[in-house]
Protein backbone atom coordinates (compact mmCIF):
# COMPACT_ATOMS: atom_id res chain seq x y z
CA MET A 1 -58.28 134.61 -78.45
CA THR A 2 -57.90 132.12 -80.80
CA LEU A 3 -60.65 130.63 -83.04
CA THR A 4 -60.74 126.58 -82.94
CA PRO A 5 -61.67 124.85 -86.42
CA PRO A 6 -65.25 124.09 -86.48
CA GLU A 7 -65.05 120.50 -85.92
CA GLU A 8 -63.24 121.48 -82.74
CA SER A 9 -65.82 124.00 -81.78
CA PRO A 10 -68.99 124.10 -80.56
CA LEU A 11 -69.67 127.47 -82.01
CA VAL A 12 -69.01 127.95 -85.03
CA LEU A 13 -68.28 131.18 -86.90
CA THR A 14 -68.96 131.69 -90.14
CA ALA A 15 -70.07 133.91 -92.62
CA PRO A 16 -73.47 134.88 -93.80
CA GLU A 17 -74.98 132.49 -96.50
CA PRO A 18 -74.06 133.18 -99.89
CA VAL A 19 -78.02 133.38 -101.09
CA ALA A 20 -79.03 135.94 -98.08
CA PRO A 21 -78.63 138.53 -101.29
CA ILE A 22 -80.08 136.27 -104.12
CA ARG A 23 -83.43 136.01 -101.63
CA ARG A 24 -83.98 139.64 -100.52
CA VAL A 25 -84.03 140.15 -105.03
CA LEU A 26 -86.11 137.74 -104.96
CA LEU A 27 -88.49 138.76 -102.68
CA HIS A 28 -88.56 142.13 -103.84
CA GLU A 29 -89.56 140.77 -107.14
CA GLU A 30 -91.95 139.50 -105.27
CA ALA A 31 -93.50 141.93 -103.12
CA GLU A 32 -93.07 144.08 -106.48
CA ARG A 33 -95.48 141.54 -107.83
CA LEU A 34 -97.98 141.86 -105.52
CA THR A 35 -98.04 145.53 -105.47
CA ALA A 36 -99.01 145.06 -108.78
CA ASP A 37 -101.32 143.12 -108.54
CA LEU A 38 -103.00 144.40 -105.67
CA GLN A 39 -103.37 147.75 -107.54
CA ASP A 40 -104.70 146.68 -110.79
CA ARG A 41 -107.66 144.69 -108.49
CA GLU A 42 -108.44 148.37 -106.88
CA ALA A 43 -107.92 149.72 -110.58
CA ARG A 44 -110.95 147.23 -111.16
CA ARG A 45 -113.68 147.43 -108.43
CA GLN A 46 -113.11 151.78 -108.29
CA GLN A 47 -113.30 151.36 -112.34
CA THR A 48 -117.01 148.18 -111.80
CA HIS A 49 -117.88 151.35 -109.14
CA THR A 50 -117.93 153.98 -111.26
CA ALA A 51 -119.85 152.12 -114.33
CA CYS A 52 -122.37 151.16 -111.38
CA LEU A 53 -122.48 154.40 -109.92
CA GLU A 54 -123.07 156.01 -114.05
CA GLU A 55 -125.48 153.32 -115.00
CA ARG A 56 -127.45 154.07 -111.51
CA GLY A 57 -127.27 157.84 -112.61
CA ARG A 58 -129.01 156.90 -116.08
CA SER A 59 -131.42 155.59 -114.50
């Protein structure tokens, strides 16, 4: 089997994009930021809920 140069072949076999690992790292970092943000929001929601319940208990 011989490969012809890309300009002569309709099918071009190329290596994976060199930026793919960078994209993967950036996506992972974004996922970590989003997860941390959701955890912070949930913690605040729980604190607010607990404060409301405690306030009701004092009334």
